[in-house]
C-alpha atoms as a PDB file:
ATOM      1  CA  SER A   1       0.000   0.000   0.000  1.00  0.00           C
ATOM      2  CA  PHE A   2       2.962   2.324   0.489  1.00  0.00           C
ATOM      3  CA  GLY A   3       3.434   2.974  -3.227  1.00  0.00           C
ATOM      4  CA  ALA A   4      -0.170   3.064  -4.297  1.00  0.00           C
ATOM      5  CA  LEU A   5      -0.113   6.690  -5.428  1.00  0.00           C
ATOM      6  CA  SER A   6       3.467   7.179  -6.526  1.00  0.00           C
ATOM      7  CA  SER A   7       3.136   7.407 -10.316  1.00  0.00           C
ATOM      8  CA  GLN A   8       1.893  10.412 -12.224  1.00  0.00           C
ATOM      9  CA  ALA A   9      -1.473   9.862 -13.884  1.00  0.00           C
ATOM     10  CA  GLU A  10      -0.333  10.802 -17.393  1.00  0.00           C
ATOM     11  CA  ASP A  11       1.991   7.741 -17.345  1.00  0.00           C
ATOM     12  CA  LEU A  12      -0.754   5.278 -16.446  1.00  0.00           C
ATOM     13  CA  ASN A  13      -2.537   2.873 -18.782  1.00  0.00           C
ATOM     14  CA  GLU A  14      -5.432   0.475 -18.310  1.00  0.00           C
ATOM     15  CA  THR A  15      -4.130  -2.233 -15.975  1.00  0.00           C
ATOM     16  CA  MET A  16      -5.232  -5.460 -14.280  1.00  0.00           C
ATOM     17  CA  VAL A  17      -3.363  -6.424 -11.094  1.00  0.00           C
ATOM     18  CA  VAL A  18      -3.739  -9.490  -8.877  1.00  0.00           C
ATOM     19  CA  THR A  19      -2.280  -9.178  -5.354  1.00  0.00           C
ATOM     20  CA  SER A  20      -1.886 -11.798  -2.646  1.00  0.00           C
ATOM     21  CA  ASP A  21      -0.828 -11.302   0.981  1.00  0.00           C
ATOM     22  CA  ASN A  22       0.086 -14.412   2.961  1.00  0.00           C
ATOM     23  CA  ASP A  23       1.989 -15.170   6.154  1.00  0.00           C
ATOM     24  CA  ILE A  24       3.343 -18.300   4.476  1.00  0.00           C
ATOM     25  CA  PHE A  25       6.033 -16.006   3.016  1.00  0.00           C
ATOM     26  CA  THR A  26       7.260 -15.207   6.553  1.00  0.00           C
ATOM     27  CA  VAL A  27       6.759 -18.730   8.002  1.00  0.00           C
ATOM     28  CA  SER A  28       4.201 -17.473  10.546  1.00  0.00           C
ATOM     29  CA  ASP A  29       0.505 -18.053  11.166  1.00  0.00           C
ATOM     30  CA  ASN A  30      -0.940 -15.458  13.505  1.00  0.00           C
ATOM     31  CA  ASN A  31      -3.525 -12.677  13.275  1.00  0.00           C
ATOM     32  CA  TYR A  32      -3.670 -11.506   9.652  1.00  0.00           C
ATOM     33  CA  THR A  33      -3.015 -14.640   7.608  1.00  0.00           C
ATOM     34  CA  TYR A  34      -4.165 -14.068   4.026  1.00  0.00           C
ATOM     35  CA  GLY A  35      -5.526 -11.520   1.584  1.00  0.00           C
ATOM     36  CA  PHE A  36      -6.355 -11.571  -2.125  1.00  0.00           C
ATOM     37  CA  ALA A  37      -7.280  -8.668  -4.391  1.00  0.00           C
ATOM     38  CA  ALA A  38      -8.007  -8.341  -8.110  1.00  0.00           C
ATOM     39  CA  THR A  39      -7.967  -4.722  -9.278  1.00  0.00           C
ATOM     40  CA  TRP A  40      -8.777  -3.205 -12.667  1.00  0.00           C
ATOM     41  CA  THR A  41      -7.825   0.393 -13.401  1.00  0.00           C
ATOM     42  CA  SER A  42      -9.062   2.382 -16.375  1.00  0.00           C
ATOM     43  CA  ASP A  43      -7.026   4.417 -18.781  1.00  0.00           C
ATOM     44  CA  ALA A  44      -7.245   8.193 -18.297  1.00  0.00           C
ATOM     45  CA  LEU A  45     -10.937   9.066 -18.635  1.00  0.00           C
ATOM     46  CA  SER A  46     -10.146  11.703 -21.245  1.00  0.00           C
ATOM     47  CA  ARG A  47      -9.014   8.923 -23.618  1.00  0.00           C
ATOM     48  CA  TYR A  48     -12.466   7.303 -23.736  1.00  0.00           C
ATOM     49  CA  GLY A  49     -15.312   8.317 -26.029  1.00  0.00           C
ATOM     50  CA  ASP A  50     -18.213  10.338 -24.601  1.00  0.00           C
ATOM     51  CA  GLU A  51     -20.625   7.377 -24.802  1.00  0.00           C
ATOM     52  CA  THR A  52     -18.346   4.833 -23.123  1.00  0.00           C
ATOM     53  CA  TYR A  53     -19.018   3.545 -19.617  1.00  0.00           C
ATOM     54  CA  PRO A  54     -15.828   4.953 -17.995  1.00  0.00           C
ATOM     55  CA  ARG A  55     -16.450   8.430 -19.426  1.00  0.00           C
ATOM     56  CA  LYS A  56     -20.109   8.405 -18.287  1.00  0.00           C
ATOM     57  CA  VAL A  57     -19.101   7.384 -14.765  1.00  0.00           C
ATOM     58  CA  GLY A  58     -16.492  10.118 -14.771  1.00  0.00           C
ATOM     59  CA  LYS A  59     -19.147  12.712 -15.608  1.00  0.00           C
ATOM     60  CA  TRP A  60     -21.206  11.513 -12.623  1.00  0.00           C
ATOM     61  CA  LEU A  61     -18.170  12.108 -10.394  1.00  0.00           C
ATOM     62  CA  GLU A  62     -17.382  15.654 -11.485  1.00  0.00           C
ATOM     63  CA  PHE A  63     -18.452  16.946  -8.060  1.00  0.00           C
ATOM     64  CA  MET A  64     -15.522  15.163  -6.360  1.00  0.00           C
ATOM     65  CA  PRO A  65     -12.753  17.434  -4.984  1.00  0.00           C
ATOM     66  CA  GLY A  66      -9.745  17.446  -7.314  1.00  0.00           C
ATOM     67  CA  PHE A  67     -11.624  15.910 -10.260  1.00  0.00           C
ATOM     68  CA  ASP A  68     -10.856  17.482 -13.655  1.00  0.00           C
ATOM     69  CA  GLY A  69     -12.040  14.750 -16.037  1.00  0.00           C
ATOM     70  CA  ALA A  70      -8.693  14.600 -17.853  1.00  0.00           C
ATOM     71  CA  GLN A  71      -6.079  12.844 -15.724  1.00  0.00           C
ATOM     72  CA  ASP A  72      -8.531  10.782 -13.675  1.00  0.00           C
ATOM     73  CA  HIS A  73      -8.830   7.004 -13.535  1.00  0.00           C
ATOM     74  CA  LEU A  74     -11.515   4.615 -12.256  1.00  0.00           C
ATOM     75  CA  THR A  75     -10.560   1.574 -10.185  1.00  0.00           C
ATOM     76  CA  PHE A  76     -12.571  -1.549  -9.333  1.00  0.00           C
ATOM     77  CA  SER A  77     -11.368  -4.148  -6.814  1.00  0.00           C
ATOM     78  CA  LEU A  78     -12.549  -7.438  -5.358  1.00  0.00           C
ATOM     79  CA  VAL A  79     -10.891  -8.345  -2.045  1.00  0.00           C
ATOM     80  CA  HIS A  80     -10.950 -11.385   0.222  1.00  0.00           C
ATOM     81  CA  GLN A  81      -9.208 -11.529   3.639  1.00  0.00           C
ATOM     82  CA  ILE A  82      -8.755 -14.114   6.394  1.00  0.00           C
ATOM     83  CA  ASN A  83      -7.911 -13.242  10.004  1.00  0.00           C
ATOM     84  CA  THR A  84      -7.128 -15.763  12.768  1.00  0.00           C
ATOM     85  CA  PRO A  85      -6.014 -15.797  16.435  1.00  0.00           C
ATOM     86  CA  SER A  86      -2.377 -16.135  17.449  1.00  0.00           C
ATOM     87  CA  ASN A  87      -2.796 -19.885  18.019  1.00  0.00           C
ATOM     88  CA  ILE A  88      -5.079 -21.710  15.578  1.00  0.00           C
ATOM     89  CA  THR A  89      -4.895 -25.073  17.415  1.00  0.00           C
ATOM     90  CA  PHE A  90      -7.406 -23.974  20.091  1.00  0.00           C
ATOM     91  CA  ALA A  91     -11.018 -24.884  19.391  1.00  0.00           C
ATOM     92  CA  ASP A  92     -12.045 -22.079  21.762  1.00  0.00           C
ATOM     93  CA  PRO A  93      -9.430 -19.283  21.447  1.00  0.00           C
ATOM     94  CA  PRO A  94      -8.835 -16.858  24.347  1.00  0.00           C
ATOM     95  CA  ILE A  95     -11.717 -14.410  24.506  1.00  0.00           C
ATOM     96  CA  ASN A  96      -9.469 -11.337  24.122  1.00  0.00           C
ATOM     97  CA  ASP A  97      -7.467 -12.731  21.175  1.00  0.00           C
ATOM     98  CA  GLN A  98      -8.202 -11.733  17.574  1.00  0.00           C
ATOM     99  CA  PRO A  99     -11.372 -13.527  16.456  1.00  0.00           C
ATOM    100  CA  TYR A 100     -11.577 -15.740  13.420  1.00  0.00           C
ATOM    101  CA  SER A 101     -13.090 -13.786  10.540  1.00  0.00           C
ATOM    102  CA  GLY A 102     -13.389 -13.584   6.802  1.00  0.00           C
ATOM    103  CA  VAL A 103     -13.898 -10.329   4.892  1.00  0.00           C
ATOM    104  CA  LEU A 104     -15.181  -9.887   1.336  1.00  0.00           C
ATOM    105  CA  LEU A 105     -15.168  -6.382  -0.185  1.00  0.00           C
ATOM    106  CA  PHE A 106     -15.969  -4.838  -3.545  1.00  0.00           C
ATOM    107  CA  GLY A 107     -14.267  -1.499  -3.999  1.00  0.00           C
ATOM    108  CA  THR A 108     -14.486   1.295  -6.521  1.00  0.00           C
ATOM    109  CA  GLY A 109     -12.239   4.341  -6.616  1.00  0.00           C
ATOM    110  CA  LEU A 110     -11.372   7.551  -8.408  1.00  0.00           C
ATOM    111  CA  PHE A 111      -7.678   8.349  -8.800  1.00  0.00           C
ATOM    112  CA  SER A 112      -6.747  11.925  -9.736  1.00  0.00           C
ATOM    113  CA  ASP A 113      -3.459  13.566 -10.630  1.00  0.00           C
ATOM    114  CA  LEU A 114      -3.118  16.933  -8.874  1.00  0.00           C
ATOM    115  CA  PRO A 115      -0.627  19.784  -9.430  1.00  0.00           C
ATOM    116  CA  ASN A 116       1.214  18.935  -6.219  1.00  0.00           C
ATOM    117  CA  GLY A 117       0.585  15.192  -5.955  1.00  0.00           C
ATOM    118  CA  SER A 118      -2.240  12.694  -6.381  1.00  0.00           C
ATOM    119  CA  GLN A 119      -5.332  11.474  -4.585  1.00  0.00           C
ATOM    120  CA  LEU A 120      -7.591   8.429  -4.452  1.00  0.00           C
ATOM    121  CA  TRP A 121     -11.192   8.325  -3.211  1.00  0.00           C
ATOM    122  CA  THR A 122     -12.565   4.826  -2.505  1.00  0.00           C
ATOM    123  CA  LEU A 123     -15.958   3.302  -1.703  1.00  0.00           C
ATOM    124  CA  ARG A 124     -16.059  -0.278  -0.439  1.00  0.00           C
ATOM    125  CA  ILE A 125     -19.051  -2.490   0.260  1.00  0.00           C
ATOM    126  CA  GLY A 126     -19.098  -6.115   1.331  1.00  0.00           C
ATOM    127  CA  ALA A 127     -19.514  -8.438   4.280  1.00  0.00           C
ATOM    128  CA  ILE A 128     -17.763 -10.074   7.206  1.00  0.00           C
ATOM    129  CA  GLY A 129     -18.646 -13.512   8.536  1.00  0.00           C
ATOM    130  CA  PRO A 130     -19.342 -17.079   7.348  1.00  0.00           C
ATOM    131  CA  VAL A 131     -20.796 -15.811   4.069  1.00  0.00           C
ATOM    132  CA  THR A 132     -17.195 -15.144   2.928  1.00  0.00           C
ATOM    133  CA  GLN A 133     -16.363 -18.887   3.100  1.00  0.00           C
ATOM    134  CA  ALA A 134     -13.052 -18.050   4.795  1.00  0.00           C
ATOM    135  CA  ASP A 135     -13.291 -21.086   7.094  1.00  0.00           C
ATOM    136  CA  HIS A 136     -13.498 -23.533   4.199  1.00  0.00           C
ATOM    137  CA  ILE A 137     -10.752 -21.797   2.230  1.00  0.00           C
ATOM    138  CA  GLN A 138      -8.230 -21.821   5.084  1.00  0.00           C
ATOM    139  CA  THR A 139      -9.057 -25.366   6.211  1.00  0.00           C
ATOM    140  CA  GLU A 140      -8.668 -26.767   2.697  1.00  0.00           C
ATOM    141  CA  PHE A 141      -5.456 -24.818   2.067  1.00  0.00           C
ATOM    142  CA  HIS A 142      -3.868 -25.958   5.341  1.00  0.00           C
ATOM    143  CA  ASP A 143      -4.823 -29.545   4.527  1.00  0.00           C
ATOM    144  CA  TRP A 144      -3.220 -29.183   1.086  1.00  0.00           C
ATOM    145  CA  ILE A 145       0.108 -27.833   2.425  1.00  0.00           C
ATOM    146  CA  GLY A 146       0.151 -30.067   5.536  1.00  0.00           C
ATOM    147  CA  ALA A 147      -0.140 -27.196   8.052  1.00  0.00           C
ATOM    148  CA  ASP A 148      -1.991 -27.224  11.401  1.00  0.00           C
ATOM    149  CA  GLU A 149      -5.746 -27.428  11.055  1.00  0.00           C
ATOM    150  CA  PRO A 150      -7.474 -24.221  12.244  1.00  0.00           C
ATOM    151  CA  LEU A 151      -9.827 -25.542  14.932  1.00  0.00           C
ATOM    152  CA  GLY A 152     -11.697 -22.439  16.081  1.00  0.00           C
ATOM    153  CA  TRP A 153     -13.767 -21.395  13.066  1.00  0.00           C
ATOM    154  CA  ASP A 154     -16.974 -22.207  14.969  1.00  0.00           C
ATOM    155  CA  THR A 155     -16.215 -19.046  17.000  1.00  0.00           C
ATOM    156  CA  GLN A 156     -15.825 -16.726  13.996  1.00  0.00           C
ATOM    157  CA  LEU A 157     -17.511 -13.323  13.758  1.00  0.00           C
ATOM    158  CA  PRO A 158     -21.159 -13.446  12.542  1.00  0.00           C
ATOM    159  CA  ASN A 159     -22.398 -12.150   9.204  1.00  0.00           C
ATOM    160  CA  GLU A 160     -22.681  -8.377   8.845  1.00  0.00           C
ATOM    161  CA  PRO A 161     -22.683  -6.023   5.832  1.00  0.00           C
ATOM    162  CA  LEU A 162     -19.771  -3.579   5.544  1.00  0.00           C
ATOM    163  CA  LEU A 163     -19.566  -0.055   4.134  1.00  0.00           C
ATOM    164  CA  ASN A 164     -16.457   2.132   4.043  1.00  0.00           C
ATOM    165  CA  ILE A 165     -15.328   5.411   2.485  1.00  0.00           C
ATOM    166  CA  GLY A 166     -11.626   6.155   2.177  1.00  0.00           C
ATOM    167  CA  TYR A 167      -9.248   8.849   0.943  1.00  0.00           C
ATOM    168  CA  GLN A 168      -5.526   8.761   0.151  1.00  0.00           C
ATOM    169  CA  ARG A 169      -3.219  11.652  -0.698  1.00  0.00           C
ATOM    170  CA  ALA A 170       0.388  11.391  -1.849  1.00  0.00           C
ATOM    171  CA  GLY A 171       3.117  13.757  -2.924  1.00  0.00           C
ATOM    172  CA  THR A 172       6.820  13.612  -3.767  1.00  0.00           C
ATOM    173  CA  VAL A 173       8.947  15.282  -1.077  1.00  0.00           C
ATOM    174  CA  LEU A 174      12.381  14.770  -2.651  1.00  0.00           C
ATOM    175  CA  LYS A 175      13.598  13.214  -5.892  1.00  0.00           C
ATOM    176  CA  ALA A 176      16.733  12.739  -7.969  1.00  0.00           C
ATOM    177  CA  ASP A 177      17.904  15.233 -10.536  1.00  0.00           C
ATOM    178  CA  PRO A 178      16.264  14.420 -13.912  1.00  0.00           C
ATOM    179  CA  ALA A 179      19.711  14.193 -15.491  1.00  0.00           C
ATOM    180  CA  ALA A 180      20.934  11.617 -12.976  1.00  0.00           C
ATOM    181  CA  ARG A 181      21.341   8.050 -14.249  1.00  0.00           C
ATOM    182  CA  PHE A 182      20.344   6.538 -10.904  1.00  0.00           C
ATOM    183  CA  ASP A 183      16.789   7.525 -10.049  1.00  0.00           C
ATOM    184  CA  TRP A 184      15.135   7.786  -6.641  1.00  0.00           C
ATOM    185  CA  ARG A 185      12.311   9.605  -4.930  1.00  0.00           C
ATOM    186  CA  LEU A 186      10.792  10.019  -1.471  1.00  0.00           C
ATOM    187  CA  ASP A 187       6.999  10.157  -1.294  1.00  0.00           C
ATOM    188  CA  ALA A 188       4.785  11.073   1.666  1.00  0.00           C
ATOM    189  CA  ILE A 189       1.401   9.349   1.884  1.00  0.00           C
ATOM    190  CA  GLY A 190      -1.594  10.003   4.159  1.00  0.00           C
ATOM    191  CA  SER A 191      -5.038   8.400   4.308  1.00  0.00           C
ATOM    192  CA  PHE A 192      -8.236   7.991   6.298  1.00  0.00           C
ATOM    193  CA  GLU A 193     -11.056   5.452   6.395  1.00  0.00           C
ATOM    194  CA  ILE A 194     -14.591   5.860   7.793  1.00  0.00           C
ATOM    195  CA  GLY A 195     -17.092   3.024   8.125  1.00  0.00           C
ATOM    196  CA  ASN A 196     -18.031  -0.114  10.013  1.00  0.00           C
ATOM    197  CA  TYR A 197     -15.172  -2.040   8.396  1.00  0.00           C
ATOM    198  CA  ALA A 198     -12.503   0.451   9.493  1.00  0.00           C
ATOM    199  CA  THR A 199     -12.285   3.945  10.942  1.00  0.00           C
ATOM    200  CA  ALA A 200      -8.665   5.044  11.021  1.00  0.00           C
ATOM    201  CA  VAL A 201      -6.030   7.514   9.864  1.00  0.00           C
ATOM    202  CA  ALA A 202      -2.597   6.608   8.496  1.00  0.00           C
ATOM    203  CA  ALA A 203       0.583   8.426   7.491  1.00  0.00           C
ATOM    204  CA  GLY A 204       3.855   7.188   6.104  1.00  0.00           C
ATOM    205  CA  GLY A 205       6.556   7.492   3.514  1.00  0.00           C
ATOM    206  CA  ILE A 206       8.241   5.407   0.862  1.00  0.00           C
ATOM    207  CA  LEU A 207      11.748   5.658  -0.595  1.00  0.00           C
ATOM    208  CA  GLU A 208      11.914   4.047  -4.030  1.00  0.00           C
ATOM    209  CA  PHE A 209      15.170   3.793  -5.928  1.00  0.00           C
ATOM    210  CA  GLY A 210      16.666   2.185  -9.007  1.00  0.00           C
ATOM    211  CA  GLY A 211      16.832   2.759 -12.748  1.00  0.00           C
ATOM    212  CA  ARG A 212      13.885   4.972 -13.773  1.00  0.00           C
ATOM    213  CA  SER A 213      12.041   4.269 -10.525  1.00  0.00           C
ATOM    214  CA  SER A 214       9.488   6.999 -11.236  1.00  0.00           C
ATOM    215  CA  ASP A 215       8.002   4.734 -13.916  1.00  0.00           C
ATOM    216  CA  THR A 216       7.709   1.645 -11.726  1.00  0.00           C
ATOM    217  CA  ARG A 217       4.871   0.433  -9.560  1.00  0.00           C
ATOM    218  CA  THR A 218       5.447  -0.858  -6.064  1.00  0.00           C
ATOM    219  CA  THR A 219       3.390  -3.662  -4.568  1.00  0.00           C
ATOM    220  CA  VAL A 220       0.048  -2.961  -2.968  1.00  0.00           C
ATOM    221  CA  SER A 221      -0.286  -4.606   0.434  1.00  0.00           C
ATOM    222  CA  ILE A 222      -3.907  -5.363   1.256  1.00  0.00           C
ATOM    223  CA  GLU A 223      -3.478  -5.142   5.011  1.00  0.00           C
ATOM    224  CA  ASN A 224      -1.163  -2.176   5.686  1.00  0.00           C
ATOM    225  CA  GLY A 225      -3.026   1.063   6.287  1.00  0.00           C
ATOM    226  CA  ILE A 226      -6.218  -0.834   7.196  1.00  0.00           C
ATOM    227  CA  GLY A 227      -6.689  -2.561   3.893  1.00  0.00           C
ATOM    228  CA  LEU A 228      -5.663  -0.094   1.194  1.00  0.00           C
ATOM    229  CA  VAL A 229      -6.494  -2.179  -1.844  1.00  0.00           C
ATOM    230  CA  SER A 230      -6.996   0.099  -4.840  1.00  0.00           C
ATOM    231  CA  GLN A 231      -4.033   0.663  -7.133  1.00  0.00           C
ATOM    232  CA  PRO A 232      -3.779   3.037 -10.067  1.00  0.00           C
ATOM    233  CA  GLY A 233      -2.576   1.520 -13.315  1.00  0.00           C
ATOM    234  CA  ALA A 234       0.958   1.241 -14.587  1.00  0.00           C
ATOM    235  CA  ALA A 235       2.972   2.707 -17.435  1.00  0.00           C
ATOM    236  CA  ARG A 236       4.396   0.407 -20.082  1.00  0.00           C
ATOM    237  CA  SER A 237       8.107  -0.235 -19.655  1.00  0.00           C
ATOM    238  CA  LYS A 238      10.761   0.088 -22.347  1.00  0.00           C
ATOM    239  CA  GLY A 239      12.880  -2.943 -21.587  1.00  0.00           C
ATOM    240  CA  LEU A 240      13.507  -4.381 -18.141  1.00  0.00           C
ATOM    241  CA  ASN A 241      12.835  -1.902 -15.344  1.00  0.00           C
ATOM    242  CA  VAL A 242      13.709  -2.817 -11.735  1.00  0.00           C
ATOM    243  CA  SER A 243      13.485  -0.791  -8.537  1.00  0.00           C
ATOM    244  CA  ALA A 244      13.530  -1.411  -4.789  1.00  0.00           C
ATOM    245  CA  PHE A 245      11.571   0.352  -2.068  1.00  0.00           C
ATOM    246  CA  VAL A 246      11.541   0.835   1.697  1.00  0.00           C
ATOM    247  CA  GLY A 247       8.469   2.216   3.477  1.00  0.00           C
ATOM    248  CA  ALA A 248       7.456   3.034   7.032  1.00  0.00           C
ATOM    249  CA  GLY A 249       4.594   4.730   8.832  1.00  0.00           C
ATOM    250  CA  ALA A 250       1.851   4.368  11.407  1.00  0.00           C
ATOM    251  CA  PHE A 251      -1.910   4.312  11.660  1.00  0.00           C
ATOM    252  CA  ALA A 252      -4.300   5.155  14.495  1.00  0.00           C
ATOM    253  CA  VAL A 253      -7.394   2.973  14.711  1.00  0.00           C
ATOM    254  CA  ALA A 254     -10.766   3.902  16.182  1.00  0.00           C
ATOM    255  CA  HIS A 255     -12.563   0.827  14.799  1.00  0.00           C
ATOM    256  CA  PHE A 256     -11.479  -2.253  12.847  1.00  0.00           C
ATOM    257  CA  ALA A 257     -14.110  -4.964  12.406  1.00  0.00           C
ATOM    258  CA  PRO A 258     -11.742  -7.993  12.411  1.00  0.00           C
ATOM    259  CA  LEU A 259     -10.551  -6.864  15.876  1.00  0.00           C
ATOM    260  CA  ASP A 260     -13.512  -4.962  17.350  1.00  0.00           C
ATOM    261  CA  GLY A 261     -16.100  -7.407  16.097  1.00  0.00           C
ATOM    262  CA  THR A 262     -19.385  -6.648  14.406  1.00  0.00           C
ATOM    263  CA  THR A 263     -21.145  -3.328  14.965  1.00  0.00           C
ATOM    264  CA  PHE A 264     -24.793  -4.385  14.992  1.00  0.00           C
ATOM    265  CA  ARG A 265     -24.551  -7.938  16.361  1.00  0.00           C
ATOM    266  CA  THR A 266     -22.996  -9.361  19.528  1.00  0.00           C
ATOM    267  CA  SER A 267     -19.630 -10.942  18.776  1.00  0.00           C
ATOM    268  CA  ARG A 268     -16.150 -11.571  20.070  1.00  0.00           C
ATOM    269  CA  SER A 269     -13.583  -8.782  20.070  1.00  0.00           C
ATOM    270  CA  ALA A 270      -9.894  -8.369  20.835  1.00  0.00           C
ATOM    271  CA  ASP A 271      -7.796  -6.125  23.032  1.00  0.00           C
ATOM    272  CA  TYR A 272      -5.320  -4.277  20.829  1.00  0.00           C
ATOM    273  CA  SER A 273      -3.184  -1.170  20.611  1.00  0.00           C
ATOM    274  CA  PRO A 274      -4.955   1.645  18.709  1.00  0.00           C
ATOM    275  CA  LEU A 275      -1.578   2.880  17.389  1.00  0.00           C
ATOM    276  CA  ILE A 276       0.324   0.552  15.057  1.00  0.00           C
ATOM    277  CA  GLY A 277       3.574   1.074  13.178  1.00  0.00           C
ATOM    278  CA  PHE A 278       4.259  -0.632   9.867  1.00  0.00           C
ATOM    279  CA  THR A 279       7.294  -1.249   7.687  1.00  0.00           C
ATOM    280  CA  SER A 280       7.735  -2.693   4.223  1.00  0.00           C
ATOM    281  CA  VAL A 281      10.680  -3.581   2.007  1.00  0.00           C
ATOM    282  CA  GLY A 282      10.463  -4.985  -1.481  1.00  0.00           C
ATOM    283  CA  VAL A 283      11.321  -4.973  -5.154  1.00  0.00           C
ATOM    284  CA  THR A 284       9.369  -4.288  -8.353  1.00  0.00           C
ATOM    285  CA  ALA A 285      10.259  -5.522 -11.840  1.00  0.00           C
ATOM    286  CA  ARG A 286       8.584  -4.530 -15.085  1.00  0.00           C
ATOM    287  CA  TYR A 287       9.113  -5.645 -18.645  1.00  0.00           C
ATOM    288  CA  SER A 288       7.010  -4.166 -21.416  1.00  0.00           C
ATOM    289  CA  ARG A 289       3.381  -4.723 -20.292  1.00  0.00           C
ATOM    290  CA  LEU A 290       4.185  -7.109 -17.405  1.00  0.00           C
ATOM    291  CA  LEU A 291       4.464  -5.980 -13.777  1.00  0.00           C
ATOM    292  CA  THR A 292       5.651  -8.082 -10.831  1.00  0.00           C
ATOM    293  CA  SER A 293       6.336  -7.012  -7.261  1.00  0.00           C
ATOM    294  CA  PHE A 294       7.155  -8.640  -3.934  1.00  0.00           C
ATOM    295  CA  SER A 295       7.411  -7.184  -0.420  1.00  0.00           C
ATOM    296  CA  LEU A 296       7.905  -8.268   3.178  1.00  0.00           C
ATOM    297  CA  ASN A 297       5.692  -6.398   5.662  1.00  0.00           C
ATOM    298  CA  ARG A 298       5.498  -6.034   9.428  1.00  0.00           C
ATOM    299  CA  GLY A 299       2.949  -4.394  11.717  1.00  0.00           C
ATOM    300  CA  VAL A 300       4.167  -3.483  15.214  1.00  0.00           C
ATOM    301  CA  PRO A 301       1.591  -2.430  17.871  1.00  0.00           C
ATOM    302  CA  PHE A 302       2.744   0.327  20.221  1.00  0.00           C
ATOM    303  CA  GLY A 303       2.274   0.331  23.966  1.00  0.00           C
ATOM    304  CA  ASN A 304       1.291  -3.267  24.744  1.00  0.00           C
ATOM    305  CA  THR A 305       2.245  -6.884  24.154  1.00  0.00           C
ATOM    306  CA  ASP A 306       0.209  -7.535  21.002  1.00  0.00           C
ATOM    307  CA  ALA A 307       1.881  -9.942  18.610  1.00  0.00           C
ATOM    308  CA  GLU A 308       3.680  -8.466  15.628  1.00  0.00           C
ATOM    309  CA  ILE A 309       2.066  -9.162  12.260  1.00  0.00           C
ATOM    310  CA  ASP A 310       4.421 -10.489   9.577  1.00  0.00           C
ATOM    311  CA  TYR A 311       3.484 -11.419   6.017  1.00  0.00           C
ATOM    312  CA  GLY A 312       4.586 -11.148   2.418  1.00  0.00           C
ATOM    313  CA  ALA A 313       2.763  -9.597  -0.530  1.00  0.00           C
ATOM    314  CA  ILE A 314       3.138 -10.458  -4.205  1.00  0.00           C
ATOM    315  CA  SER A 315       1.557  -8.695  -7.186  1.00  0.00           C
ATOM    316  CA  ILE A 316       1.327  -9.646 -10.849  1.00  0.00           C
ATOM    317  CA  GLY A 317      -0.137  -7.189 -13.319  1.00  0.00           C
ATOM    318  CA  TRP A 318      -0.667  -6.580 -17.029  1.00  0.00           C
ATOM    319  CA  THR A 319      -0.878  -3.212 -18.760  1.00  0.00           C
ATOM    320  CA  TYR A 320      -3.130  -3.022 -21.828  1.00  0.00           C
END
């Protein structure tokens, strides 16, 4: 999620990206365990005909702050997440541990290039609970790889609809001289979420470096920043283009359904720190229309003994 708004909109083409988070990459199995997202991003709306669906939707969104109808892009995402307690071998996990839960979200967003940065408005609707089939997915996957069977899914959070509105803003703070052969830039990113899935604010930064790093796309972590899942498209690469990135930040949480439980129904909930730091390190490689990215991520709660959250994220995308 650190690099979600790094590129300039005029460089971006229609793109499809599939992202997977999983703690199997860090040989752990606690708290956040898995996430999957498929995200389609439109070309710049100005490149579509007046009667096309993206252009019509763009006209409906002209009231949005920062919208100019030229360098704006639509995004659509489908997300699935699985959350588990620290120890999945208990049939009845400790009452104050993270509950078992599955989350399914459909998201739509509007990405805009601004004179001093970029922004992304998102709307997400979906559900938490057994309807997501998270229990069956994790049980079957653990059986396939020979891992411990998760025994506590009978205690998972009940079904409840979810609705969330989010906003992200990013801007480049420092960058390399355009004439320099080795490229780098430092971006600052801030966001907020409001809804019964998550209510939180986040701030952080990412340092990306390597040959022509301004044209690359870093991985989108589904979990960091309370589930930032929408990614603008990517620019086509001339030859092989590789960059690395390091990101860090923190978010303050007022409500997060996988930890606080459901809003309108009685459910389990967890004790947790409302202030969480996060770090990410990874690499992105692009060749022509193909995009690949991998990162290792860690969430560190402040002020108590909550377990750290470790997982990897991998993205594969195609630019049309």
